[in-house]
N, C-alpha and C. Protein backbone atom coordinates (compact mmCIF):
# COMPACT_ATOMS: atom_id res chain seq x y z
N MET A 1 -38.64 -27.81 -37.96
CA MET A 1 -37.72 -26.99 -37.22
C MET A 1 -37.69 -25.61 -37.85
N VAL A 2 -37.84 -24.59 -37.05
CA VAL A 2 -37.81 -23.22 -37.53
C VAL A 2 -36.50 -22.60 -37.08
N VAL A 3 -35.78 -22.03 -38.01
CA VAL A 3 -34.52 -21.39 -37.68
C VAL A 3 -34.67 -19.90 -37.94
N LEU A 4 -34.31 -19.12 -36.97
CA LEU A 4 -34.43 -17.68 -37.06
C LEU A 4 -33.02 -17.10 -37.12
N LEU A 5 -32.63 -16.56 -38.27
CA LEU A 5 -31.32 -15.92 -38.42
C LEU A 5 -31.51 -14.42 -38.29
N ILE A 6 -30.85 -13.85 -37.33
CA ILE A 6 -31.06 -12.43 -37.10
C ILE A 6 -29.98 -11.60 -37.77
N ALA A 7 -28.76 -11.74 -37.37
CA ALA A 7 -27.65 -11.00 -37.97
C ALA A 7 -26.36 -11.70 -37.58
N LYS A 8 -25.30 -11.32 -38.24
CA LYS A 8 -24.01 -11.90 -37.93
C LYS A 8 -23.67 -11.65 -36.46
N ASN A 9 -23.13 -12.66 -35.81
CA ASN A 9 -22.75 -12.60 -34.39
C ASN A 9 -23.94 -12.46 -33.45
N LYS A 10 -25.12 -12.82 -33.92
CA LYS A 10 -26.31 -12.80 -33.08
C LYS A 10 -26.74 -14.23 -32.79
N LYS A 11 -27.55 -14.40 -31.79
CA LYS A 11 -28.03 -15.71 -31.38
C LYS A 11 -29.03 -16.28 -32.40
N ILE A 12 -28.91 -17.57 -32.67
CA ILE A 12 -29.84 -18.27 -33.55
C ILE A 12 -30.81 -19.05 -32.66
N THR A 13 -32.10 -18.86 -32.89
CA THR A 13 -33.11 -19.53 -32.09
C THR A 13 -33.79 -20.62 -32.91
N ILE A 14 -33.86 -21.81 -32.34
CA ILE A 14 -34.54 -22.93 -32.99
C ILE A 14 -35.79 -23.22 -32.18
N ILE A 15 -36.93 -23.16 -32.85
CA ILE A 15 -38.21 -23.34 -32.19
C ILE A 15 -38.85 -24.63 -32.70
N LYS A 16 -39.20 -25.51 -31.77
CA LYS A 16 -39.87 -26.76 -32.15
C LYS A 16 -41.34 -26.45 -32.47
N PRO A 17 -41.83 -26.82 -33.66
CA PRO A 17 -43.20 -26.43 -34.09
C PRO A 17 -44.29 -27.34 -33.52
N THR A 18 -44.56 -27.25 -32.24
CA THR A 18 -45.59 -28.09 -31.62
C THR A 18 -47.00 -27.67 -32.03
N ALA A 19 -47.20 -26.41 -32.32
CA ALA A 19 -48.54 -25.93 -32.66
C ALA A 19 -49.07 -26.57 -33.93
N LEU A 20 -48.21 -26.87 -34.89
CA LEU A 20 -48.65 -27.49 -36.14
C LEU A 20 -49.24 -28.87 -35.87
N TYR A 21 -48.60 -29.65 -35.00
CA TYR A 21 -49.11 -30.98 -34.66
C TYR A 21 -50.47 -30.86 -33.97
N LYS A 22 -50.60 -29.93 -33.05
CA LYS A 22 -51.87 -29.73 -32.36
C LYS A 22 -52.95 -29.31 -33.35
N TRP A 23 -52.59 -28.51 -34.32
CA TRP A 23 -53.55 -28.08 -35.33
C TRP A 23 -54.05 -29.28 -36.12
N ALA A 24 -53.16 -30.19 -36.51
CA ALA A 24 -53.55 -31.37 -37.29
C ALA A 24 -54.51 -32.24 -36.49
N LYS A 25 -54.25 -32.44 -35.21
CA LYS A 25 -55.13 -33.28 -34.38
C LYS A 25 -56.53 -32.68 -34.27
N ASN A 26 -56.63 -31.37 -34.30
CA ASN A 26 -57.90 -30.68 -34.12
C ASN A 26 -58.48 -30.14 -35.42
N PHE A 27 -57.96 -30.60 -36.55
CA PHE A 27 -58.39 -30.05 -37.83
C PHE A 27 -59.89 -30.16 -38.03
N LYS A 28 -60.49 -31.26 -37.63
CA LYS A 28 -61.93 -31.45 -37.81
C LYS A 28 -62.70 -30.36 -37.08
N ARG A 29 -62.32 -30.06 -35.85
CA ARG A 29 -63.02 -29.00 -35.09
C ARG A 29 -62.80 -27.63 -35.72
N ILE A 30 -61.60 -27.40 -36.22
CA ILE A 30 -61.32 -26.14 -36.92
C ILE A 30 -62.16 -26.05 -38.17
N GLN A 31 -62.22 -27.15 -38.92
CA GLN A 31 -63.01 -27.20 -40.15
C GLN A 31 -64.48 -26.95 -39.86
N ASP A 32 -65.00 -27.51 -38.78
CA ASP A 32 -66.41 -27.32 -38.42
C ASP A 32 -66.75 -25.84 -38.23
N LYS A 33 -65.79 -25.06 -37.78
CA LYS A 33 -66.03 -23.64 -37.53
C LYS A 33 -66.12 -22.82 -38.83
N PHE A 34 -65.80 -23.43 -39.97
CA PHE A 34 -65.91 -22.74 -41.25
C PHE A 34 -67.37 -22.47 -41.61
N TYR A 35 -68.29 -23.22 -41.01
CA TYR A 35 -69.69 -23.17 -41.41
C TYR A 35 -70.56 -22.74 -40.25
N ASP A 36 -71.57 -21.92 -40.54
CA ASP A 36 -72.51 -21.48 -39.52
C ASP A 36 -73.48 -22.60 -39.17
N ASN A 37 -73.95 -23.33 -40.18
CA ASN A 37 -74.94 -24.38 -39.96
C ASN A 37 -74.27 -25.68 -39.52
N LYS A 38 -74.98 -26.45 -38.72
CA LYS A 38 -74.49 -27.75 -38.28
C LYS A 38 -74.48 -28.69 -39.49
N TYR A 39 -73.42 -29.43 -39.65
CA TYR A 39 -73.31 -30.37 -40.75
C TYR A 39 -72.50 -31.57 -40.28
N LYS A 40 -72.52 -32.63 -41.06
CA LYS A 40 -71.70 -33.79 -40.77
C LYS A 40 -71.09 -34.25 -42.09
N LEU A 41 -69.81 -34.58 -42.05
CA LEU A 41 -69.15 -35.09 -43.25
C LEU A 41 -69.79 -36.42 -43.65
N ARG A 42 -70.03 -36.58 -44.94
CA ARG A 42 -70.63 -37.82 -45.43
C ARG A 42 -69.81 -39.03 -45.02
N ARG A 43 -68.49 -38.93 -45.11
CA ARG A 43 -67.63 -40.07 -44.76
C ARG A 43 -67.73 -40.41 -43.27
N LEU A 44 -67.87 -39.43 -42.44
CA LEU A 44 -68.04 -39.69 -41.01
C LEU A 44 -69.39 -40.35 -40.75
N GLN A 45 -70.43 -39.86 -41.40
CA GLN A 45 -71.75 -40.49 -41.26
C GLN A 45 -71.72 -41.93 -41.77
N GLN A 46 -70.99 -42.17 -42.84
CA GLN A 46 -70.86 -43.51 -43.40
C GLN A 46 -70.23 -44.46 -42.38
N ILE A 47 -69.20 -44.01 -41.69
CA ILE A 47 -68.55 -44.84 -40.67
C ILE A 47 -69.53 -45.15 -39.54
N GLU A 48 -70.21 -44.13 -39.05
CA GLU A 48 -71.17 -44.33 -37.96
C GLU A 48 -72.29 -45.28 -38.38
N ASP A 49 -72.80 -45.13 -39.60
CA ASP A 49 -73.85 -46.01 -40.10
C ASP A 49 -73.35 -47.45 -40.21
N PHE A 50 -72.13 -47.63 -40.70
CA PHE A 50 -71.57 -48.98 -40.84
C PHE A 50 -71.49 -49.66 -39.47
N ILE A 51 -70.99 -48.95 -38.49
CA ILE A 51 -70.85 -49.52 -37.14
C ILE A 51 -72.21 -49.86 -36.56
N THR A 52 -73.17 -48.95 -36.71
CA THR A 52 -74.51 -49.15 -36.17
C THR A 52 -75.23 -50.29 -36.88
N LEU A 53 -75.23 -50.27 -38.21
CA LEU A 53 -75.98 -51.27 -38.98
C LEU A 53 -75.39 -52.67 -38.84
N ASN A 54 -74.09 -52.76 -38.58
CA ASN A 54 -73.46 -54.07 -38.42
C ASN A 54 -73.32 -54.47 -36.95
N ASN A 55 -73.91 -53.66 -36.08
CA ASN A 55 -74.04 -53.97 -34.66
C ASN A 55 -72.70 -54.20 -33.95
N TYR A 56 -71.69 -53.43 -34.29
CA TYR A 56 -70.42 -53.51 -33.57
C TYR A 56 -70.56 -52.72 -32.28
N LYS A 57 -70.17 -53.34 -31.18
CA LYS A 57 -70.32 -52.70 -29.86
C LYS A 57 -68.99 -52.33 -29.22
N GLN A 58 -67.91 -53.04 -29.57
CA GLN A 58 -66.58 -52.73 -29.04
C GLN A 58 -65.68 -52.34 -30.21
N ILE A 59 -65.25 -51.08 -30.20
CA ILE A 59 -64.46 -50.51 -31.30
C ILE A 59 -63.11 -50.06 -30.74
N HIS A 60 -62.06 -50.37 -31.45
CA HIS A 60 -60.76 -49.76 -31.17
C HIS A 60 -60.49 -48.80 -32.32
N HIS A 61 -60.29 -47.52 -32.01
CA HIS A 61 -60.15 -46.50 -33.05
C HIS A 61 -58.73 -45.95 -33.03
N ILE A 62 -58.06 -46.03 -34.17
CA ILE A 62 -56.75 -45.42 -34.35
C ILE A 62 -56.97 -44.18 -35.21
N GLU A 63 -56.77 -43.00 -34.61
CA GLU A 63 -57.07 -41.76 -35.30
C GLU A 63 -55.93 -40.77 -35.16
N GLU A 64 -55.88 -39.86 -36.08
CA GLU A 64 -54.93 -38.75 -36.04
C GLU A 64 -55.71 -37.46 -35.78
N VAL A 65 -56.74 -37.24 -36.55
CA VAL A 65 -57.63 -36.10 -36.38
C VAL A 65 -58.80 -36.57 -35.51
N HIS A 66 -59.06 -35.84 -34.43
CA HIS A 66 -60.17 -36.21 -33.55
C HIS A 66 -61.49 -35.98 -34.28
N LEU A 67 -62.31 -37.03 -34.40
CA LEU A 67 -63.52 -36.97 -35.22
C LEU A 67 -64.82 -36.83 -34.42
N ASP A 68 -64.77 -36.91 -33.12
CA ASP A 68 -65.98 -36.80 -32.30
C ASP A 68 -67.05 -37.81 -32.72
N ILE A 69 -66.65 -39.06 -32.90
CA ILE A 69 -67.62 -40.10 -33.26
C ILE A 69 -68.50 -40.36 -32.05
N ASN A 70 -69.80 -40.30 -32.28
CA ASN A 70 -70.75 -40.47 -31.19
C ASN A 70 -71.82 -41.46 -31.62
N ILE A 71 -71.70 -42.69 -31.14
CA ILE A 71 -72.67 -43.73 -31.47
C ILE A 71 -73.18 -44.32 -30.16
N PRO A 72 -74.49 -44.24 -29.92
CA PRO A 72 -75.04 -44.80 -28.68
C PRO A 72 -74.73 -46.29 -28.54
N ASN A 73 -74.48 -46.73 -27.33
CA ASN A 73 -74.25 -48.14 -26.98
C ASN A 73 -73.01 -48.74 -27.61
N VAL A 74 -72.06 -47.92 -27.99
CA VAL A 74 -70.79 -48.41 -28.52
C VAL A 74 -69.69 -48.01 -27.55
N GLU A 75 -68.85 -48.99 -27.24
CA GLU A 75 -67.73 -48.75 -26.33
C GLU A 75 -66.45 -48.68 -27.15
N PHE A 76 -65.68 -47.63 -26.94
CA PHE A 76 -64.38 -47.50 -27.57
C PHE A 76 -63.34 -48.05 -26.60
N VAL A 77 -62.75 -49.18 -26.97
CA VAL A 77 -61.82 -49.89 -26.08
C VAL A 77 -60.38 -49.52 -26.40
N ASN A 78 -59.53 -49.55 -25.40
CA ASN A 78 -58.12 -49.19 -25.57
C ASN A 78 -57.28 -50.34 -26.11
N ASN A 79 -57.73 -51.56 -25.91
CA ASN A 79 -56.98 -52.73 -26.34
C ASN A 79 -57.58 -53.30 -27.61
N ILE A 80 -56.78 -53.36 -28.65
CA ILE A 80 -57.27 -53.86 -29.96
C ILE A 80 -57.81 -55.29 -29.85
N LYS A 81 -57.24 -56.09 -28.96
CA LYS A 81 -57.67 -57.49 -28.83
C LYS A 81 -59.05 -57.63 -28.21
N GLN A 82 -59.54 -56.58 -27.57
CA GLN A 82 -60.89 -56.58 -27.01
C GLN A 82 -61.93 -56.10 -28.01
N ALA A 83 -61.49 -55.57 -29.12
CA ALA A 83 -62.39 -54.96 -30.10
C ALA A 83 -62.99 -56.00 -31.04
N LYS A 84 -64.21 -55.73 -31.45
CA LYS A 84 -64.87 -56.53 -32.50
C LYS A 84 -64.62 -55.90 -33.86
N LEU A 85 -64.27 -54.59 -33.85
CA LEU A 85 -63.96 -53.87 -35.07
C LEU A 85 -62.82 -52.90 -34.78
N LEU A 86 -61.82 -52.92 -35.65
CA LEU A 86 -60.75 -51.92 -35.60
C LEU A 86 -61.10 -50.85 -36.63
N LEU A 87 -61.21 -49.62 -36.18
CA LEU A 87 -61.50 -48.47 -37.05
C LEU A 87 -60.21 -47.67 -37.18
N VAL A 88 -59.72 -47.52 -38.41
CA VAL A 88 -58.47 -46.80 -38.66
C VAL A 88 -58.78 -45.61 -39.56
N THR A 89 -58.69 -44.41 -38.98
CA THR A 89 -58.86 -43.18 -39.77
C THR A 89 -57.56 -42.37 -39.77
N HIS A 90 -56.53 -42.88 -39.15
CA HIS A 90 -55.24 -42.18 -39.06
C HIS A 90 -54.61 -42.06 -40.45
N GLN A 91 -54.31 -40.84 -40.86
CA GLN A 91 -53.75 -40.56 -42.19
C GLN A 91 -52.35 -41.15 -42.37
N GLY A 92 -51.62 -41.31 -41.28
CA GLY A 92 -50.23 -41.75 -41.36
C GLY A 92 -50.04 -43.09 -42.05
N TYR A 93 -50.99 -43.99 -41.92
CA TYR A 93 -50.84 -45.31 -42.54
C TYR A 93 -50.89 -45.22 -44.06
N SER A 94 -51.55 -44.22 -44.59
CA SER A 94 -51.60 -44.03 -46.05
C SER A 94 -50.23 -43.63 -46.61
N ARG A 95 -49.36 -43.14 -45.74
CA ARG A 95 -48.03 -42.71 -46.18
C ARG A 95 -47.01 -43.84 -46.15
N TYR A 96 -47.40 -44.99 -45.62
CA TYR A 96 -46.50 -46.14 -45.62
C TYR A 96 -46.26 -46.59 -47.07
N PRO A 97 -45.13 -47.23 -47.34
CA PRO A 97 -45.00 -47.88 -48.65
C PRO A 97 -46.11 -48.93 -48.79
N CYS A 98 -46.50 -49.26 -49.98
CA CYS A 98 -47.60 -50.21 -50.19
C CYS A 98 -47.37 -51.53 -49.45
N THR A 99 -46.14 -52.03 -49.50
CA THR A 99 -45.84 -53.28 -48.77
C THR A 99 -46.01 -53.08 -47.27
N GLY A 100 -45.67 -51.90 -46.77
CA GLY A 100 -45.84 -51.60 -45.35
C GLY A 100 -47.30 -51.55 -44.94
N ILE A 101 -48.15 -51.03 -45.81
CA ILE A 101 -49.59 -50.99 -45.52
C ILE A 101 -50.13 -52.41 -45.39
N ILE A 102 -49.76 -53.28 -46.31
CA ILE A 102 -50.22 -54.67 -46.28
C ILE A 102 -49.70 -55.37 -45.03
N GLU A 103 -48.44 -55.17 -44.70
CA GLU A 103 -47.88 -55.76 -43.47
C GLU A 103 -48.65 -55.28 -42.24
N GLN A 104 -48.97 -53.97 -42.19
CA GLN A 104 -49.71 -53.43 -41.06
C GLN A 104 -51.11 -54.03 -40.97
N ILE A 105 -51.78 -54.17 -42.10
CA ILE A 105 -53.12 -54.78 -42.11
C ILE A 105 -53.05 -56.20 -41.58
N ASN A 106 -52.06 -56.97 -42.03
CA ASN A 106 -51.92 -58.35 -41.55
C ASN A 106 -51.64 -58.40 -40.05
N THR A 107 -50.86 -57.47 -39.54
CA THR A 107 -50.61 -57.39 -38.10
C THR A 107 -51.90 -57.11 -37.36
N TRP A 108 -52.68 -56.15 -37.85
CA TRP A 108 -53.96 -55.84 -37.22
C TRP A 108 -54.90 -57.04 -37.25
N LEU A 109 -54.93 -57.76 -38.37
CA LEU A 109 -55.83 -58.92 -38.49
C LEU A 109 -55.47 -60.04 -37.52
N ASN A 110 -54.22 -60.07 -37.05
CA ASN A 110 -53.84 -61.04 -36.03
C ASN A 110 -54.48 -60.71 -34.68
N ASP A 111 -54.83 -59.44 -34.47
CA ASP A 111 -55.41 -59.00 -33.20
C ASP A 111 -56.91 -58.78 -33.27
N CYS A 112 -57.43 -58.50 -34.45
CA CYS A 112 -58.86 -58.20 -34.61
C CYS A 112 -59.29 -58.70 -35.99
N ASN A 113 -60.39 -59.44 -36.06
CA ASN A 113 -60.82 -60.06 -37.32
C ASN A 113 -61.45 -59.11 -38.31
N ASN A 114 -61.83 -57.91 -37.86
CA ASN A 114 -62.57 -56.97 -38.70
C ASN A 114 -61.94 -55.59 -38.64
N ILE A 115 -61.67 -55.04 -39.82
CA ILE A 115 -61.06 -53.71 -39.90
C ILE A 115 -61.88 -52.83 -40.82
N TYR A 116 -62.16 -51.62 -40.35
CA TYR A 116 -62.70 -50.57 -41.21
C TYR A 116 -61.53 -49.62 -41.43
N LEU A 117 -60.96 -49.66 -42.62
CA LEU A 117 -59.73 -48.93 -42.92
C LEU A 117 -60.02 -47.77 -43.87
N CYS A 118 -59.59 -46.59 -43.46
CA CYS A 118 -59.71 -45.40 -44.30
C CYS A 118 -58.31 -45.01 -44.78
N LEU A 119 -58.15 -44.91 -46.08
CA LEU A 119 -56.87 -44.53 -46.67
C LEU A 119 -57.05 -43.25 -47.47
N ASN A 120 -56.04 -42.42 -47.44
CA ASN A 120 -56.06 -41.19 -48.22
C ASN A 120 -55.38 -41.46 -49.55
N ARG A 121 -56.14 -41.46 -50.63
CA ARG A 121 -55.59 -41.82 -51.95
C ARG A 121 -54.46 -40.89 -52.38
N HIS A 122 -54.40 -39.69 -51.85
CA HIS A 122 -53.37 -38.74 -52.24
C HIS A 122 -51.99 -39.11 -51.70
N TYR A 123 -51.96 -39.96 -50.68
CA TYR A 123 -50.69 -40.39 -50.09
C TYR A 123 -50.23 -41.76 -50.57
N LEU A 124 -51.14 -42.58 -51.07
CA LEU A 124 -50.80 -43.96 -51.41
C LEU A 124 -49.68 -44.05 -52.43
N ASN A 125 -48.80 -45.00 -52.19
CA ASN A 125 -47.60 -45.22 -53.02
C ASN A 125 -46.77 -43.95 -53.10
N ILE A 126 -46.64 -43.31 -51.94
CA ILE A 126 -45.94 -42.03 -51.85
C ILE A 126 -44.48 -42.15 -52.27
N ASN A 127 -43.92 -43.36 -52.12
CA ASN A 127 -42.51 -43.55 -52.52
C ASN A 127 -42.39 -43.94 -53.99
N ASN A 128 -43.53 -44.00 -54.70
CA ASN A 128 -43.57 -44.27 -56.15
C ASN A 128 -42.92 -45.59 -56.53
N LYS A 129 -43.01 -46.57 -55.63
CA LYS A 129 -42.43 -47.89 -55.90
C LYS A 129 -43.33 -48.66 -56.87
N ARG A 130 -42.71 -49.34 -57.79
CA ARG A 130 -43.43 -50.15 -58.78
C ARG A 130 -44.13 -51.31 -58.09
N ILE A 131 -45.39 -51.51 -58.39
CA ILE A 131 -46.17 -52.61 -57.82
C ILE A 131 -46.31 -53.67 -58.89
N PRO A 132 -45.79 -54.89 -58.63
CA PRO A 132 -45.79 -55.93 -59.66
C PRO A 132 -47.14 -56.65 -59.78
N LEU A 133 -48.21 -55.90 -59.96
CA LEU A 133 -49.54 -56.46 -60.11
C LEU A 133 -50.20 -55.85 -61.34
N LYS A 134 -51.15 -56.55 -61.90
CA LYS A 134 -51.93 -55.99 -63.00
C LYS A 134 -53.08 -55.21 -62.37
N LEU A 135 -53.07 -53.90 -62.59
CA LEU A 135 -54.07 -53.03 -61.97
C LEU A 135 -54.82 -52.24 -63.04
N PRO A 136 -56.09 -51.87 -62.75
CA PRO A 136 -56.86 -51.05 -63.69
C PRO A 136 -56.22 -49.68 -63.87
N ASN A 137 -56.54 -49.02 -64.96
CA ASN A 137 -56.02 -47.67 -65.21
C ASN A 137 -56.65 -46.62 -64.30
N ASP A 138 -57.89 -46.84 -63.89
CA ASP A 138 -58.56 -45.92 -62.97
C ASP A 138 -57.90 -46.05 -61.60
N TYR A 139 -57.38 -44.94 -61.08
CA TYR A 139 -56.61 -44.96 -59.84
C TYR A 139 -57.40 -45.50 -58.65
N GLN A 140 -58.66 -45.08 -58.52
CA GLN A 140 -59.48 -45.53 -57.40
C GLN A 140 -59.76 -47.03 -57.47
N GLN A 141 -60.04 -47.52 -58.67
CA GLN A 141 -60.22 -48.96 -58.85
C GLN A 141 -58.92 -49.71 -58.64
N ALA A 142 -57.81 -49.10 -59.01
CA ALA A 142 -56.50 -49.74 -58.84
C ALA A 142 -56.17 -49.93 -57.36
N ILE A 143 -56.56 -48.98 -56.52
CA ILE A 143 -56.32 -49.12 -55.08
C ILE A 143 -57.06 -50.35 -54.54
N THR A 144 -58.32 -50.49 -54.93
CA THR A 144 -59.11 -51.63 -54.49
C THR A 144 -58.53 -52.93 -55.02
N SER A 145 -58.16 -52.96 -56.28
CA SER A 145 -57.57 -54.15 -56.88
C SER A 145 -56.26 -54.53 -56.18
N TRP A 146 -55.44 -53.53 -55.89
CA TRP A 146 -54.17 -53.77 -55.18
C TRP A 146 -54.43 -54.41 -53.82
N LEU A 147 -55.40 -53.88 -53.06
CA LEU A 147 -55.71 -54.45 -51.74
C LEU A 147 -56.21 -55.89 -51.86
N LYS A 148 -57.12 -56.13 -52.79
CA LYS A 148 -57.68 -57.47 -52.95
C LYS A 148 -56.60 -58.47 -53.37
N GLN A 149 -55.73 -58.08 -54.29
CA GLN A 149 -54.67 -58.99 -54.74
C GLN A 149 -53.61 -59.20 -53.66
N SER A 150 -53.38 -58.20 -52.83
CA SER A 150 -52.36 -58.29 -51.80
C SER A 150 -52.86 -59.00 -50.54
N LEU A 151 -54.17 -59.12 -50.40
CA LEU A 151 -54.77 -59.80 -49.25
C LEU A 151 -55.69 -60.92 -49.75
N PRO A 152 -55.16 -61.90 -50.49
CA PRO A 152 -56.01 -62.89 -51.15
C PRO A 152 -56.79 -63.80 -50.21
N ASN A 153 -56.36 -63.97 -48.98
CA ASN A 153 -57.04 -64.86 -48.04
C ASN A 153 -58.03 -64.13 -47.14
N ASN A 154 -58.28 -62.87 -47.45
CA ASN A 154 -59.19 -62.05 -46.66
C ASN A 154 -60.28 -61.47 -47.55
N THR A 155 -61.35 -61.04 -46.93
CA THR A 155 -62.42 -60.36 -47.65
C THR A 155 -62.12 -58.86 -47.63
N VAL A 156 -62.13 -58.25 -48.80
CA VAL A 156 -61.91 -56.80 -48.92
C VAL A 156 -63.12 -56.21 -49.64
N VAL A 157 -63.85 -55.34 -48.96
CA VAL A 157 -65.03 -54.71 -49.54
C VAL A 157 -64.76 -53.21 -49.64
N ASP A 158 -64.90 -52.69 -50.85
CA ASP A 158 -64.70 -51.26 -51.09
C ASP A 158 -65.99 -50.52 -50.75
N LEU A 159 -65.92 -49.64 -49.75
CA LEU A 159 -67.07 -48.85 -49.32
C LEU A 159 -66.95 -47.39 -49.75
N SER A 160 -66.00 -47.12 -50.62
CA SER A 160 -65.69 -45.75 -51.02
C SER A 160 -66.65 -45.23 -52.09
N LYS A 161 -66.77 -43.93 -52.12
CA LYS A 161 -67.48 -43.26 -53.21
C LYS A 161 -66.42 -42.78 -54.19
N ASN A 162 -66.51 -43.20 -55.43
CA ASN A 162 -65.55 -42.77 -56.44
C ASN A 162 -65.94 -41.40 -56.96
N TYR A 163 -64.99 -40.50 -57.01
CA TYR A 163 -65.25 -39.16 -57.52
C TYR A 163 -63.93 -38.53 -57.92
N THR A 164 -64.02 -37.54 -58.76
CA THR A 164 -62.84 -36.77 -59.14
C THR A 164 -62.65 -35.71 -58.06
N ASP A 165 -61.47 -35.66 -57.50
CA ASP A 165 -61.22 -34.75 -56.38
C ASP A 165 -60.67 -33.42 -56.89
N TYR A 166 -61.41 -32.38 -56.63
CA TYR A 166 -60.99 -31.02 -56.97
C TYR A 166 -60.58 -30.24 -55.73
N GLY A 167 -60.38 -30.96 -54.62
CA GLY A 167 -59.97 -30.33 -53.38
C GLY A 167 -61.11 -29.79 -52.54
N LEU A 168 -62.34 -30.14 -52.88
CA LEU A 168 -63.50 -29.62 -52.16
C LEU A 168 -64.10 -30.61 -51.17
N ASN A 169 -63.48 -31.79 -51.03
CA ASN A 169 -64.13 -32.86 -50.28
C ASN A 169 -63.55 -33.15 -48.91
N PHE A 170 -62.67 -32.32 -48.38
CA PHE A 170 -62.14 -32.46 -47.04
C PHE A 170 -61.58 -33.85 -46.74
N THR A 171 -60.71 -34.34 -47.60
CA THR A 171 -60.11 -35.65 -47.36
C THR A 171 -59.10 -35.60 -46.22
N TRP A 172 -58.86 -34.44 -45.65
CA TRP A 172 -57.85 -34.33 -44.60
C TRP A 172 -58.44 -34.62 -43.23
N SER A 173 -59.73 -34.58 -43.05
CA SER A 173 -60.34 -34.98 -41.77
C SER A 173 -60.58 -36.49 -41.76
N VAL A 174 -61.28 -36.97 -42.76
CA VAL A 174 -61.55 -38.40 -42.89
C VAL A 174 -61.05 -38.82 -44.27
N PRO A 175 -60.06 -39.72 -44.32
CA PRO A 175 -59.56 -40.14 -45.64
C PRO A 175 -60.68 -40.66 -46.53
N ASP A 176 -60.49 -40.56 -47.84
CA ASP A 176 -61.59 -40.80 -48.79
C ASP A 176 -61.79 -42.25 -49.23
N ARG A 177 -60.81 -43.10 -49.08
CA ARG A 177 -60.96 -44.50 -49.51
C ARG A 177 -61.30 -45.35 -48.28
N HIS A 178 -62.49 -45.98 -48.30
CA HIS A 178 -62.96 -46.76 -47.15
C HIS A 178 -63.06 -48.23 -47.53
N TYR A 179 -62.52 -49.08 -46.66
CA TYR A 179 -62.52 -50.52 -46.90
C TYR A 179 -62.88 -51.28 -45.64
N PHE A 180 -63.70 -52.30 -45.83
CA PHE A 180 -63.96 -53.26 -44.76
C PHE A 180 -63.14 -54.49 -45.10
N ILE A 181 -62.25 -54.87 -44.20
CA ILE A 181 -61.37 -56.01 -44.42
C ILE A 181 -61.59 -56.98 -43.27
N SER A 182 -61.82 -58.25 -43.61
CA SER A 182 -62.05 -59.25 -42.56
C SER A 182 -61.36 -60.55 -42.91
N LYS A 183 -61.09 -61.34 -41.88
CA LYS A 183 -60.47 -62.65 -42.07
C LYS A 183 -61.46 -63.61 -42.69
């Protein structure tokens, strides 16, 4: 909410910031314009390769930033129950409390047996709640360990590239932690 205070006894105008939301949805396209040469984010290519190599044909995609995923012979379905793979690149789920993320994953697994989940490590455990698990000191390994321990009856495969983030890797278009989770 933007509040504009002009002077005493003057009208106060409150402007709803819709442009910021539209900017977030289109961030990938805006980011693409930073470069003259055609390029593709490694994480986006990784998702497309995973879908192609594992022969998934019906995908339900939950996204926040439009990624322009283009894979021949793949149908993006509107109903999660029709999907063979649920692809989640929406940043909002990374902001859930850790228990909320696990609850959401379990809900998704009731509708689809296979999930390709992208989490933004910068948002995880945003509420700083203590996790009663023994986790490695390395933060990236701790995320994987937390998921595996919290989903013991499921397969959790870490597809992420571990690296020190100096802010150069565009984690805001495609989150940096990638997991394949299946029943």
